[in-house]
Amino acid sequence: EQYTHFQCMIDHFIACRKLYSYSL
């Protein structure tokens, strides 16, 4: 269950990459 959640989280970050940025 945890591993499936990990994969879902990574899929989210890939799909929504433009929402995120590096925090100086």
PDBML (XML) file of the C-alpha atoms, coordinates in Angstrom:
<?xml version="1.0" encoding="UTF-8" ?>
<PDBx:datablock datablockName="MODEL"
   xmlns:PDBx="http://pdbml.pdb.org/schema/pdbx-v50.xsd"
   xmlns:xsi="http://www.w3.org/2001/XMLSchema-instance"
   xsi:schemaLocation="http://pdbml.pdb.org/schema/pdbx-v50.xsd pdbx-v50.xsd">
   <PDBx:atom_siteCategory>
      <PDBx:atom_site id="1">
         <PDBx:B_iso_or_equiv>0.00</PDBx:B_iso_or_equiv>
         <PDBx:Cartn_x>0.000</PDBx:Cartn_x>
         <PDBx:Cartn_y>0.000</PDBx:Cartn_y>
         <PDBx:Cartn_z>0.000</PDBx:Cartn_z>
         <PDBx:auth_asym_id>A</PDBx:auth_asym_id>
         <PDBx:auth_atom_id>CA</PDBx:auth_atom_id>
         <PDBx:auth_comp_id>GLU</PDBx:auth_comp_id>
         <PDBx:auth_seq_id>1</PDBx:auth_seq_id>
         <PDBx:group_PDB>ATOM</PDBx:group_PDB>
         <PDBx:label_alt_id xsi:nil="true" />
         <PDBx:label_asym_id>A</PDBx:label_asym_id>
         <PDBx:label_atom_id>CA</PDBx:label_atom_id>
         <PDBx:label_comp_id>GLU</PDBx:label_comp_id>
         <PDBx:label_entity_id>1</PDBx:label_entity_id>
         <PDBx:label_seq_id>1</PDBx:label_seq_id>
         <PDBx:occupancy>1.00</PDBx:occupancy>
         <PDBx:pdbx_PDB_model_num>1</PDBx:pdbx_PDB_model_num>
         <PDBx:type_symbol>C</PDBx:type_symbol>
      </PDBx:atom_site>
      <PDBx:atom_site id="2">
         <PDBx:B_iso_or_equiv>0.00</PDBx:B_iso_or_equiv>
         <PDBx:Cartn_x>2.812</PDBx:Cartn_x>
         <PDBx:Cartn_y>2.413</PDBx:Cartn_y>
         <PDBx:Cartn_z>0.853</PDBx:Cartn_z>
         <PDBx:auth_asym_id>A</PDBx:auth_asym_id>
         <PDBx:auth_atom_id>CA</PDBx:auth_atom_id>
         <PDBx:auth_comp_id>GLN</PDBx:auth_comp_id>
         <PDBx:auth_seq_id>2</PDBx:auth_seq_id>
         <PDBx:group_PDB>ATOM</PDBx:group_PDB>
         <PDBx:label_alt_id xsi:nil="true" />
         <PDBx:label_asym_id>A</PDBx:label_asym_id>
         <PDBx:label_atom_id>CA</PDBx:label_atom_id>
         <PDBx:label_comp_id>GLN</PDBx:label_comp_id>
         <PDBx:label_entity_id>1</PDBx:label_entity_id>
         <PDBx:label_seq_id>2</PDBx:label_seq_id>
         <PDBx:occupancy>1.00</PDBx:occupancy>
         <PDBx:pdbx_PDB_model_num>1</PDBx:pdbx_PDB_model_num>
         <PDBx:type_symbol>C</PDBx:type_symbol>
      </PDBx:atom_site>
      <PDBx:atom_site id="3">
         <PDBx:B_iso_or_equiv>0.00</PDBx:B_iso_or_equiv>
         <PDBx:Cartn_x>4.652</PDBx:Cartn_x>
         <PDBx:Cartn_y>1.593</PDBx:Cartn_y>
         <PDBx:Cartn_z>-2.367</PDBx:Cartn_z>
         <PDBx:auth_asym_id>A</PDBx:auth_asym_id>
         <PDBx:auth_atom_id>CA</PDBx:auth_atom_id>
         <PDBx:auth_comp_id>TYR</PDBx:auth_comp_id>
         <PDBx:auth_seq_id>3</PDBx:auth_seq_id>
         <PDBx:group_PDB>ATOM</PDBx:group_PDB>
         <PDBx:label_alt_id xsi:nil="true" />
         <PDBx:label_asym_id>A</PDBx:label_asym_id>
         <PDBx:label_atom_id>CA</PDBx:label_atom_id>
         <PDBx:label_comp_id>TYR</PDBx:label_comp_id>
         <PDBx:label_entity_id>1</PDBx:label_entity_id>
         <PDBx:label_seq_id>3</PDBx:label_seq_id>
         <PDBx:occupancy>1.00</PDBx:occupancy>
         <PDBx:pdbx_PDB_model_num>1</PDBx:pdbx_PDB_model_num>
         <PDBx:type_symbol>C</PDBx:type_symbol>
      </PDBx:atom_site>
      <PDBx:atom_site id="4">
         <PDBx:B_iso_or_equiv>0.00</PDBx:B_iso_or_equiv>
         <PDBx:Cartn_x>1.511</PDBx:Cartn_x>
         <PDBx:Cartn_y>2.206</PDBx:Cartn_y>
         <PDBx:Cartn_z>-4.432</PDBx:Cartn_z>
         <PDBx:auth_asym_id>A</PDBx:auth_asym_id>
         <PDBx:auth_atom_id>CA</PDBx:auth_atom_id>
         <PDBx:auth_comp_id>THR</PDBx:auth_comp_id>
         <PDBx:auth_seq_id>4</PDBx:auth_seq_id>
         <PDBx:group_PDB>ATOM</PDBx:group_PDB>
         <PDBx:label_alt_id xsi:nil="true" />
         <PDBx:label_asym_id>A</PDBx:label_asym_id>
         <PDBx:label_atom_id>CA</PDBx:label_atom_id>
         <PDBx:label_comp_id>THR</PDBx:label_comp_id>
         <PDBx:label_entity_id>1</PDBx:label_entity_id>
         <PDBx:label_seq_id>4</PDBx:label_seq_id>
         <PDBx:occupancy>1.00</PDBx:occupancy>
         <PDBx:pdbx_PDB_model_num>1</PDBx:pdbx_PDB_model_num>
         <PDBx:type_symbol>C</PDBx:type_symbol>
      </PDBx:atom_site>
      <PDBx:atom_site id="5">
         <PDBx:B_iso_or_equiv>0.00</PDBx:B_iso_or_equiv>
         <PDBx:Cartn_x>1.124</PDBx:Cartn_x>
         <PDBx:Cartn_y>5.554</PDBx:Cartn_y>
         <PDBx:Cartn_z>-2.695</PDBx:Cartn_z>
         <PDBx:auth_asym_id>A</PDBx:auth_asym_id>
         <PDBx:auth_atom_id>CA</PDBx:auth_atom_id>
         <PDBx:auth_comp_id>HIS</PDBx:auth_comp_id>
         <PDBx:auth_seq_id>5</PDBx:auth_seq_id>
         <PDBx:group_PDB>ATOM</PDBx:group_PDB>
         <PDBx:label_alt_id xsi:nil="true" />
         <PDBx:label_asym_id>A</PDBx:label_asym_id>
         <PDBx:label_atom_id>CA</PDBx:label_atom_id>
         <PDBx:label_comp_id>HIS</PDBx:label_comp_id>
         <PDBx:label_entity_id>1</PDBx:label_entity_id>
         <PDBx:label_seq_id>5</PDBx:label_seq_id>
         <PDBx:occupancy>1.00</PDBx:occupancy>
         <PDBx:pdbx_PDB_model_num>1</PDBx:pdbx_PDB_model_num>
         <PDBx:type_symbol>C</PDBx:type_symbol>
      </PDBx:atom_site>
      <PDBx:atom_site id="6">
         <PDBx:B_iso_or_equiv>0.00</PDBx:B_iso_or_equiv>
         <PDBx:Cartn_x>4.768</PDBx:Cartn_x>
         <PDBx:Cartn_y>6.363</PDBx:Cartn_y>
         <PDBx:Cartn_z>-3.485</PDBx:Cartn_z>
         <PDBx:auth_asym_id>A</PDBx:auth_asym_id>
         <PDBx:auth_atom_id>CA</PDBx:auth_atom_id>
         <PDBx:auth_comp_id>PHE</PDBx:auth_comp_id>
         <PDBx:auth_seq_id>6</PDBx:auth_seq_id>
         <PDBx:group_PDB>ATOM</PDBx:group_PDB>
         <PDBx:label_alt_id xsi:nil="true" />
         <PDBx:label_asym_id>A</PDBx:label_asym_id>
         <PDBx:label_atom_id>CA</PDBx:label_atom_id>
         <PDBx:label_comp_id>PHE</PDBx:label_comp_id>
         <PDBx:label_entity_id>1</PDBx:label_entity_id>
         <PDBx:label_seq_id>6</PDBx:label_seq_id>
         <PDBx:occupancy>1.00</PDBx:occupancy>
         <PDBx:pdbx_PDB_model_num>1</PDBx:pdbx_PDB_model_num>
         <PDBx:type_symbol>C</PDBx:type_symbol>
      </PDBx:atom_site>
      <PDBx:atom_site id="7">
         <PDBx:B_iso_or_equiv>0.00</PDBx:B_iso_or_equiv>
         <PDBx:Cartn_x>4.155</PDBx:Cartn_x>
         <PDBx:Cartn_y>5.681</PDBx:Cartn_y>
         <PDBx:Cartn_z>-7.173</PDBx:Cartn_z>
         <PDBx:auth_asym_id>A</PDBx:auth_asym_id>
         <PDBx:auth_atom_id>CA</PDBx:auth_atom_id>
         <PDBx:auth_comp_id>GLN</PDBx:auth_comp_id>
         <PDBx:auth_seq_id>7</PDBx:auth_seq_id>
         <PDBx:group_PDB>ATOM</PDBx:group_PDB>
         <PDBx:label_alt_id xsi:nil="true" />
         <PDBx:label_asym_id>A</PDBx:label_asym_id>
         <PDBx:label_atom_id>CA</PDBx:label_atom_id>
         <PDBx:label_comp_id>GLN</PDBx:label_comp_id>
         <PDBx:label_entity_id>1</PDBx:label_entity_id>
         <PDBx:label_seq_id>7</PDBx:label_seq_id>
         <PDBx:occupancy>1.00</PDBx:occupancy>
         <PDBx:pdbx_PDB_model_num>1</PDBx:pdbx_PDB_model_num>
         <PDBx:type_symbol>C</PDBx:type_symbol>
      </PDBx:atom_site>
      <PDBx:atom_site id="8">
         <PDBx:B_iso_or_equiv>0.00</PDBx:B_iso_or_equiv>
         <PDBx:Cartn_x>1.004</PDBx:Cartn_x>
         <PDBx:Cartn_y>7.837</PDBx:Cartn_y>
         <PDBx:Cartn_z>-7.125</PDBx:Cartn_z>
         <PDBx:auth_asym_id>A</PDBx:auth_asym_id>
         <PDBx:auth_atom_id>CA</PDBx:auth_atom_id>
         <PDBx:auth_comp_id>CYS</PDBx:auth_comp_id>
         <PDBx:auth_seq_id>8</PDBx:auth_seq_id>
         <PDBx:group_PDB>ATOM</PDBx:group_PDB>
         <PDBx:label_alt_id xsi:nil="true" />
         <PDBx:label_asym_id>A</PDBx:label_asym_id>
         <PDBx:label_atom_id>CA</PDBx:label_atom_id>
         <PDBx:label_comp_id>CYS</PDBx:label_comp_id>
         <PDBx:label_entity_id>1</PDBx:label_entity_id>
         <PDBx:label_seq_id>8</PDBx:label_seq_id>
         <PDBx:occupancy>1.00</PDBx:occupancy>
         <PDBx:pdbx_PDB_model_num>1</PDBx:pdbx_PDB_model_num>
         <PDBx:type_symbol>C</PDBx:type_symbol>
      </PDBx:atom_site>
      <PDBx:atom_site id="9">
         <PDBx:B_iso_or_equiv>0.00</PDBx:B_iso_or_equiv>
         <PDBx:Cartn_x>2.935</PDBx:Cartn_x>
         <PDBx:Cartn_y>10.706</PDBx:Cartn_y>
         <PDBx:Cartn_z>-5.542</PDBx:Cartn_z>
         <PDBx:auth_asym_id>A</PDBx:auth_asym_id>
         <PDBx:auth_atom_id>CA</PDBx:auth_atom_id>
         <PDBx:auth_comp_id>MET</PDBx:auth_comp_id>
         <PDBx:auth_seq_id>9</PDBx:auth_seq_id>
         <PDBx:group_PDB>ATOM</PDBx:group_PDB>
         <PDBx:label_alt_id xsi:nil="true" />
         <PDBx:label_asym_id>A</PDBx:label_asym_id>
         <PDBx:label_atom_id>CA</PDBx:label_atom_id>
         <PDBx:label_comp_id>MET</PDBx:label_comp_id>
         <PDBx:label_entity_id>1</PDBx:label_entity_id>
         <PDBx:label_seq_id>9</PDBx:label_seq_id>
         <PDBx:occupancy>1.00</PDBx:occupancy>
         <PDBx:pdbx_PDB_model_num>1</PDBx:pdbx_PDB_model_num>
         <PDBx:type_symbol>C</PDBx:type_symbol>
      </PDBx:atom_site>
      <PDBx:atom_site id="10">
         <PDBx:B_iso_or_equiv>0.00</PDBx:B_iso_or_equiv>
         <PDBx:Cartn_x>5.685</PDBx:Cartn_x>
         <PDBx:Cartn_y>10.511</PDBx:Cartn_y>
         <PDBx:Cartn_z>-8.157</PDBx:Cartn_z>
         <PDBx:auth_asym_id>A</PDBx:auth_asym_id>
         <PDBx:auth_atom_id>CA</PDBx:auth_atom_id>
         <PDBx:auth_comp_id>ILE</PDBx:auth_comp_id>
         <PDBx:auth_seq_id>10</PDBx:auth_seq_id>
         <PDBx:group_PDB>ATOM</PDBx:group_PDB>
         <PDBx:label_alt_id xsi:nil="true" />
         <PDBx:label_asym_id>A</PDBx:label_asym_id>
         <PDBx:label_atom_id>CA</PDBx:label_atom_id>
         <PDBx:label_comp_id>ILE</PDBx:label_comp_id>
         <PDBx:label_entity_id>1</PDBx:label_entity_id>
         <PDBx:label_seq_id>10</PDBx:label_seq_id>
         <PDBx:occupancy>1.00</PDBx:occupancy>
         <PDBx:pdbx_PDB_model_num>1</PDBx:pdbx_PDB_model_num>
         <PDBx:type_symbol>C</PDBx:type_symbol>
      </PDBx:atom_site>
      <PDBx:atom_site id="11">
         <PDBx:B_iso_or_equiv>0.00</PDBx:B_iso_or_equiv>
         <PDBx:Cartn_x>3.064</PDBx:Cartn_x>
         <PDBx:Cartn_y>10.387</PDBx:Cartn_y>
         <PDBx:Cartn_z>-10.927</PDBx:Cartn_z>
         <PDBx:auth_asym_id>A</PDBx:auth_asym_id>
         <PDBx:auth_atom_id>CA</PDBx:auth_atom_id>
         <PDBx:auth_comp_id>ASP</PDBx:auth_comp_id>
         <PDBx:auth_seq_id>11</PDBx:auth_seq_id>
         <PDBx:group_PDB>ATOM</PDBx:group_PDB>
         <PDBx:label_alt_id xsi:nil="true" />
         <PDBx:label_asym_id>A</PDBx:label_asym_id>
         <PDBx:label_atom_id>CA</PDBx:label_atom_id>
         <PDBx:label_comp_id>ASP</PDBx:label_comp_id>
         <PDBx:label_entity_id>1</PDBx:label_entity_id>
         <PDBx:label_seq_id>11</PDBx:label_seq_id>
         <PDBx:occupancy>1.00</PDBx:occupancy>
         <PDBx:pdbx_PDB_model_num>1</PDBx:pdbx_PDB_model_num>
         <PDBx:type_symbol>C</PDBx:type_symbol>
      </PDBx:atom_site>
      <PDBx:atom_site id="12">
         <PDBx:B_iso_or_equiv>0.00</PDBx:B_iso_or_equiv>
         <PDBx:Cartn_x>1.517</PDBx:Cartn_x>
         <PDBx:Cartn_y>13.539</PDBx:Cartn_y>
         <PDBx:Cartn_z>-9.452</PDBx:Cartn_z>
         <PDBx:auth_asym_id>A</PDBx:auth_asym_id>
         <PDBx:auth_atom_id>CA</PDBx:auth_atom_id>
         <PDBx:auth_comp_id>HIS</PDBx:auth_comp_id>
         <PDBx:auth_seq_id>12</PDBx:auth_seq_id>
         <PDBx:group_PDB>ATOM</PDBx:group_PDB>
         <PDBx:label_alt_id xsi:nil="true" />
         <PDBx:label_asym_id>A</PDBx:label_asym_id>
         <PDBx:label_atom_id>CA</PDBx:label_atom_id>
         <PDBx:label_comp_id>HIS</PDBx:label_comp_id>
         <PDBx:label_entity_id>1</PDBx:label_entity_id>
         <PDBx:label_seq_id>12</PDBx:label_seq_id>
         <PDBx:occupancy>1.00</PDBx:occupancy>
         <PDBx:pdbx_PDB_model_num>1</PDBx:pdbx_PDB_model_num>
         <PDBx:type_symbol>C</PDBx:type_symbol>
      </PDBx:atom_site>
      <PDBx:atom_site id="13">
         <PDBx:B_iso_or_equiv>0.00</PDBx:B_iso_or_equiv>
         <PDBx:Cartn_x>4.811</PDBx:Cartn_x>
         <PDBx:Cartn_y>15.428</PDBx:Cartn_y>
         <PDBx:Cartn_z>-9.372</PDBx:Cartn_z>
         <PDBx:auth_asym_id>A</PDBx:auth_asym_id>
         <PDBx:auth_atom_id>CA</PDBx:auth_atom_id>
         <PDBx:auth_comp_id>PHE</PDBx:auth_comp_id>
         <PDBx:auth_seq_id>13</PDBx:auth_seq_id>
         <PDBx:group_PDB>ATOM</PDBx:group_PDB>
         <PDBx:label_alt_id xsi:nil="true" />
         <PDBx:label_asym_id>A</PDBx:label_asym_id>
         <PDBx:label_atom_id>CA</PDBx:label_atom_id>
         <PDBx:label_comp_id>PHE</PDBx:label_comp_id>
         <PDBx:label_entity_id>1</PDBx:label_entity_id>
         <PDBx:label_seq_id>13</PDBx:label_seq_id>
         <PDBx:occupancy>1.00</PDBx:occupancy>
         <PDBx:pdbx_PDB_model_num>1</PDBx:pdbx_PDB_model_num>
         <PDBx:type_symbol>C</PDBx:type_symbol>
      </PDBx:atom_site>
      <PDBx:atom_site id="14">
         <PDBx:B_iso_or_equiv>0.00</PDBx:B_iso_or_equiv>
         <PDBx:Cartn_x>5.540</PDBx:Cartn_x>
         <PDBx:Cartn_y>14.395</PDBx:Cartn_y>
         <PDBx:Cartn_z>-12.962</PDBx:Cartn_z>
         <PDBx:auth_asym_id>A</PDBx:auth_asym_id>
         <PDBx:auth_atom_id>CA</PDBx:auth_atom_id>
         <PDBx:auth_comp_id>ILE</PDBx:auth_comp_id>
         <PDBx:auth_seq_id>14</PDBx:auth_seq_id>
         <PDBx:group_PDB>ATOM</PDBx:group_PDB>
         <PDBx:label_alt_id xsi:nil="true" />
         <PDBx:label_asym_id>A</PDBx:label_asym_id>
         <PDBx:label_atom_id>CA</PDBx:label_atom_id>
         <PDBx:label_comp_id>ILE</PDBx:label_comp_id>
         <PDBx:label_entity_id>1</PDBx:label_entity_id>
         <PDBx:label_seq_id>14</PDBx:label_seq_id>
         <PDBx:occupancy>1.00</PDBx:occupancy>
         <PDBx:pdbx_PDB_model_num>1</PDBx:pdbx_PDB_model_num>
         <PDBx:type_symbol>C</PDBx:type_symbol>
      </PDBx:atom_site>
      <PDBx:atom_site id="15">
         <PDBx:B_iso_or_equiv>0.00</PDBx:B_iso_or_equiv>
         <PDBx:Cartn_x>2.076</PDBx:Cartn_x>
         <PDBx:Cartn_y>15.410</PDBx:Cartn_y>
         <PDBx:Cartn_z>-14.192</PDBx:Cartn_z>
         <PDBx:auth_asym_id>A</PDBx:auth_asym_id>
         <PDBx:auth_atom_id>CA</PDBx:auth_atom_id>
         <PDBx:auth_comp_id>ALA</PDBx:auth_comp_id>
         <PDBx:auth_seq_id>15</PDBx:auth_seq_id>
         <PDBx:group_PDB>ATOM</PDBx:group_PDB>
         <PDBx:label_alt_id xsi:nil="true" />
         <PDBx:label_asym_id>A</PDBx:label_asym_id>
         <PDBx:label_atom_id>CA</PDBx:label_atom_id>
         <PDBx:label_comp_id>ALA</PDBx:label_comp_id>
         <PDBx:label_entity_id>1</PDBx:label_entity_id>
         <PDBx:label_seq_id>15</PDBx:label_seq_id>
         <PDBx:occupancy>1.00</PDBx:occupancy>
         <PDBx:pdbx_PDB_model_num>1</PDBx:pdbx_PDB_model_num>
         <PDBx:type_symbol>C</PDBx:type_symbol>
      </PDBx:atom_site>
      <PDBx:atom_site id="16">
         <PDBx:B_iso_or_equiv>0.00</PDBx:B_iso_or_equiv>
         <PDBx:Cartn_x>2.051</PDBx:Cartn_x>
         <PDBx:Cartn_y>18.691</PDBx:Cartn_y>
         <PDBx:Cartn_z>-12.235</PDBx:Cartn_z>
         <PDBx:auth_asym_id>A</PDBx:auth_asym_id>
         <PDBx:auth_atom_id>CA</PDBx:auth_atom_id>
         <PDBx:auth_comp_id>CYS</PDBx:auth_comp_id>
         <PDBx:auth_seq_id>16</PDBx:auth_seq_id>
         <PDBx:group_PDB>ATOM</PDBx:group_PDB>
         <PDBx:label_alt_id xsi:nil="true" />
         <PDBx:label_asym_id>A</PDBx:label_asym_id>
         <PDBx:label_atom_id>CA</PDBx:label_atom_id>
         <PDBx:label_comp_id>CYS</PDBx:label_comp_id>
         <PDBx:label_entity_id>1</PDBx:label_entity_id>
         <PDBx:label_seq_id>16</PDBx:label_seq_id>
         <PDBx:occupancy>1.00</PDBx:occupancy>
         <PDBx:pdbx_PDB_model_num>1</PDBx:pdbx_PDB_model_num>
         <PDBx:type_symbol>C</PDBx:type_symbol>
      </PDBx:atom_site>
      <PDBx:atom_site id="17">
         <PDBx:B_iso_or_equiv>0.00</PDBx:B_iso_or_equiv>
         <PDBx:Cartn_x>5.734</PDBx:Cartn_x>
         <PDBx:Cartn_y>19.563</PDBx:Cartn_y>
         <PDBx:Cartn_z>-12.630</PDBx:Cartn_z>
         <PDBx:auth_asym_id>A</PDBx:auth_asym_id>
         <PDBx:auth_atom_id>CA</PDBx:auth_atom_id>
         <PDBx:auth_comp_id>ARG</PDBx:auth_comp_id>
         <PDBx:auth_seq_id>17</PDBx:auth_seq_id>
         <PDBx:group_PDB>ATOM</PDBx:group_PDB>
         <PDBx:label_alt_id xsi:nil="true" />
         <PDBx:label_asym_id>A</PDBx:label_asym_id>
         <PDBx:label_atom_id>CA</PDBx:label_atom_id>
         <PDBx:label_comp_id>ARG</PDBx:label_comp_id>
         <PDBx:label_entity_id>1</PDBx:label_entity_id>
         <PDBx:label_seq_id>17</PDBx:label_seq_id>
         <PDBx:occupancy>1.00</PDBx:occupancy>
         <PDBx:pdbx_PDB_model_num>1</PDBx:pdbx_PDB_model_num>
         <PDBx:type_symbol>C</PDBx:type_symbol>
      </PDBx:atom_site>
      <PDBx:atom_site id="18">
         <PDBx:B_iso_or_equiv>0.00</PDBx:B_iso_or_equiv>
         <PDBx:Cartn_x>5.029</PDBx:Cartn_x>
         <PDBx:Cartn_y>23.136</PDBx:Cartn_y>
         <PDBx:Cartn_z>-13.744</PDBx:Cartn_z>
         <PDBx:auth_asym_id>A</PDBx:auth_asym_id>
         <PDBx:auth_atom_id>CA</PDBx:auth_atom_id>
         <PDBx:auth_comp_id>LYS</PDBx:auth_comp_id>
         <PDBx:auth_seq_id>18</PDBx:auth_seq_id>
         <PDBx:group_PDB>ATOM</PDBx:group_PDB>
         <PDBx:label_alt_id xsi:nil="true" />
         <PDBx:label_asym_id>A</PDBx:label_asym_id>
         <PDBx:label_atom_id>CA</PDBx:label_atom_id>
         <PDBx:label_comp_id>LYS</PDBx:label_comp_id>
         <PDBx:label_entity_id>1</PDBx:label_entity_id>
         <PDBx:label_seq_id>18</PDBx:label_seq_id>
         <PDBx:occupancy>1.00</PDBx:occupancy>
         <PDBx:pdbx_PDB_model_num>1</PDBx:pdbx_PDB_model_num>
         <PDBx:type_symbol>C</PDBx:type_symbol>
      </PDBx:atom_site>
      <PDBx:atom_site id="19">
         <PDBx:B_iso_or_equiv>0.00</PDBx:B_iso_or_equiv>
         <PDBx:Cartn_x>3.385</PDBx:Cartn_x>
         <PDBx:Cartn_y>23.898</PDBx:Cartn_y>
         <PDBx:Cartn_z>-10.395</PDBx:Cartn_z>
         <PDBx:auth_asym_id>A</PDBx:auth_asym_id>
         <PDBx:auth_atom_id>CA</PDBx:auth_atom_id>
         <PDBx:auth_comp_id>LEU</PDBx:auth_comp_id>
         <PDBx:auth_seq_id>19</PDBx:auth_seq_id>
         <PDBx:group_PDB>ATOM</PDBx:group_PDB>
         <PDBx:label_alt_id xsi:nil="true" />
         <PDBx:label_asym_id>A</PDBx:label_asym_id>
         <PDBx:label_atom_id>CA</PDBx:label_atom_id>
         <PDBx:label_comp_id>LEU</PDBx:label_comp_id>
         <PDBx:label_entity_id>1</PDBx:label_entity_id>
         <PDBx:label_seq_id>19</PDBx:label_seq_id>
         <PDBx:occupancy>1.00</PDBx:occupancy>
         <PDBx:pdbx_PDB_model_num>1</PDBx:pdbx_PDB_model_num>
         <PDBx:type_symbol>C</PDBx:type_symbol>
      </PDBx:atom_site>
      <PDBx:atom_site id="20">
         <PDBx:B_iso_or_equiv>0.00</PDBx:B_iso_or_equiv>
         <PDBx:Cartn_x>6.616</PDBx:Cartn_x>
         <PDBx:Cartn_y>23.277</PDBx:Cartn_y>
         <PDBx:Cartn_z>-8.487</PDBx:Cartn_z>
         <PDBx:auth_asym_id>A</PDBx:auth_asym_id>
         <PDBx:auth_atom_id>CA</PDBx:auth_atom_id>
         <PDBx:auth_comp_id>TYR</PDBx:auth_comp_id>
         <PDBx:auth_seq_id>20</PDBx:auth_seq_id>
         <PDBx:group_PDB>ATOM</PDBx:group_PDB>
         <PDBx:label_alt_id xsi:nil="true" />
         <PDBx:label_asym_id>A</PDBx:label_asym_id>
         <PDBx:label_atom_id>CA</PDBx:label_atom_id>
         <PDBx:label_comp_id>TYR</PDBx:label_comp_id>
         <PDBx:label_entity_id>1</PDBx:label_entity_id>
         <PDBx:label_seq_id>20</PDBx:label_seq_id>
         <PDBx:occupancy>1.00</PDBx:occupancy>
         <PDBx:pdbx_PDB_model_num>1</PDBx:pdbx_PDB_model_num>
         <PDBx:type_symbol>C</PDBx:type_symbol>
      </PDBx:atom_site>
      <PDBx:atom_site id="21">
         <PDBx:B_iso_or_equiv>0.00</PDBx:B_iso_or_equiv>
         <PDBx:Cartn_x>9.923</PDBx:Cartn_x>
         <PDBx:Cartn_y>25.085</PDBx:Cartn_y>
         <PDBx:Cartn_z>-8.154</PDBx:Cartn_z>
         <PDBx:auth_asym_id>A</PDBx:auth_asym_id>
         <PDBx:auth_atom_id>CA</PDBx:auth_atom_id>
         <PDBx:auth_comp_id>SER</PDBx:auth_comp_id>
         <PDBx:auth_seq_id>21</PDBx:auth_seq_id>
         <PDBx:group_PDB>ATOM</PDBx:group_PDB>
         <PDBx:label_alt_id xsi:nil="true" />
         <PDBx:label_asym_id>A</PDBx:label_asym_id>
         <PDBx:label_atom_id>CA</PDBx:label_atom_id>
         <PDBx:label_comp_id>SER</PDBx:label_comp_id>
         <PDBx:label_entity_id>1</PDBx:label_entity_id>
         <PDBx:label_seq_id>21</PDBx:label_seq_id>
         <PDBx:occupancy>1.00</PDBx:occupancy>
         <PDBx:pdbx_PDB_model_num>1</PDBx:pdbx_PDB_model_num>
         <PDBx:type_symbol>C</PDBx:type_symbol>
      </PDBx:atom_site>
      <PDBx:atom_site id="22">
         <PDBx:B_iso_or_equiv>0.00</PDBx:B_iso_or_equiv>
         <PDBx:Cartn_x>13.139</PDBx:Cartn_x>
         <PDBx:Cartn_y>24.997</PDBx:Cartn_y>
         <PDBx:Cartn_z>-6.161</PDBx:Cartn_z>
         <PDBx:auth_asym_id>A</PDBx:auth_asym_id>
         <PDBx:auth_atom_id>CA</PDBx:auth_atom_id>
         <PDBx:auth_comp_id>TYR</PDBx:auth_comp_id>
         <PDBx:auth_seq_id>22</PDBx:auth_seq_id>
         <PDBx:group_PDB>ATOM</PDBx:group_PDB>
         <PDBx:label_alt_id xsi:nil="true" />
         <PDBx:label_asym_id>A</PDBx:label_asym_id>
         <PDBx:label_atom_id>CA</PDBx:label_atom_id>
         <PDBx:label_comp_id>TYR</PDBx:label_comp_id>
         <PDBx:label_entity_id>1</PDBx:label_entity_id>
         <PDBx:label_seq_id>22</PDBx:label_seq_id>
         <PDBx:occupancy>1.00</PDBx:occupancy>
         <PDBx:pdbx_PDB_model_num>1</PDBx:pdbx_PDB_model_num>
         <PDBx:type_symbol>C</PDBx:type_symbol>
      </PDBx:atom_site>
      <PDBx:atom_site id="23">
         <PDBx:B_iso_or_equiv>0.00</PDBx:B_iso_or_equiv>
         <PDBx:Cartn_x>13.123</PDBx:Cartn_x>
         <PDBx:Cartn_y>26.900</PDBx:Cartn_y>
         <PDBx:Cartn_z>-2.857</PDBx:Cartn_z>
         <PDBx:auth_asym_id>A</PDBx:auth_asym_id>
         <PDBx:auth_atom_id>CA</PDBx:auth_atom_id>
         <PDBx:auth_comp_id>SER</PDBx:auth_comp_id>
         <PDBx:auth_seq_id>23</PDBx:auth_seq_id>
         <PDBx:group_PDB>ATOM</PDBx:group_PDB>
         <PDBx:label_alt_id xsi:nil="true" />
         <PDBx:label_asym_id>A</PDBx:label_asym_id>
         <PDBx:label_atom_id>CA</PDBx:label_atom_id>
         <PDBx:label_comp_id>SER</PDBx:label_comp_id>
         <PDBx:label_entity_id>1</PDBx:label_entity_id>
         <PDBx:label_seq_id>23</PDBx:label_seq_id>
         <PDBx:occupancy>1.00</PDBx:occupancy>
         <PDBx:pdbx_PDB_model_num>1</PDBx:pdbx_PDB_model_num>
         <PDBx:type_symbol>C</PDBx:type_symbol>
      </PDBx:atom_site>
      <PDBx:atom_site id="24">
         <PDBx:B_iso_or_equiv>0.00</PDBx:B_iso_or_equiv>
         <PDBx:Cartn_x>16.267</PDBx:Cartn_x>
         <PDBx:Cartn_y>29.006</PDBx:Cartn_y>
         <PDBx:Cartn_z>-2.467</PDBx:Cartn_z>
         <PDBx:auth_asym_id>A</PDBx:auth_asym_id>
         <PDBx:auth_atom_id>CA</PDBx:auth_atom_id>
         <PDBx:auth_comp_id>LEU</PDBx:auth_comp_id>
         <PDBx:auth_seq_id>24</PDBx:auth_seq_id>
         <PDBx:group_PDB>ATOM</PDBx:group_PDB>
         <PDBx:label_alt_id xsi:nil="true" />
         <PDBx:label_asym_id>A</PDBx:label_asym_id>
         <PDBx:label_atom_id>CA</PDBx:label_atom_id>
         <PDBx:label_comp_id>LEU</PDBx:label_comp_id>
         <PDBx:label_entity_id>1</PDBx:label_entity_id>
         <PDBx:label_seq_id>24</PDBx:label_seq_id>
         <PDBx:occupancy>1.00</PDBx:occupancy>
         <PDBx:pdbx_PDB_model_num>1</PDBx:pdbx_PDB_model_num>
         <PDBx:type_symbol>C</PDBx:type_symbol>
      </PDBx:atom_site>
   </PDBx:atom_siteCategory>
</PDBx:datablock>
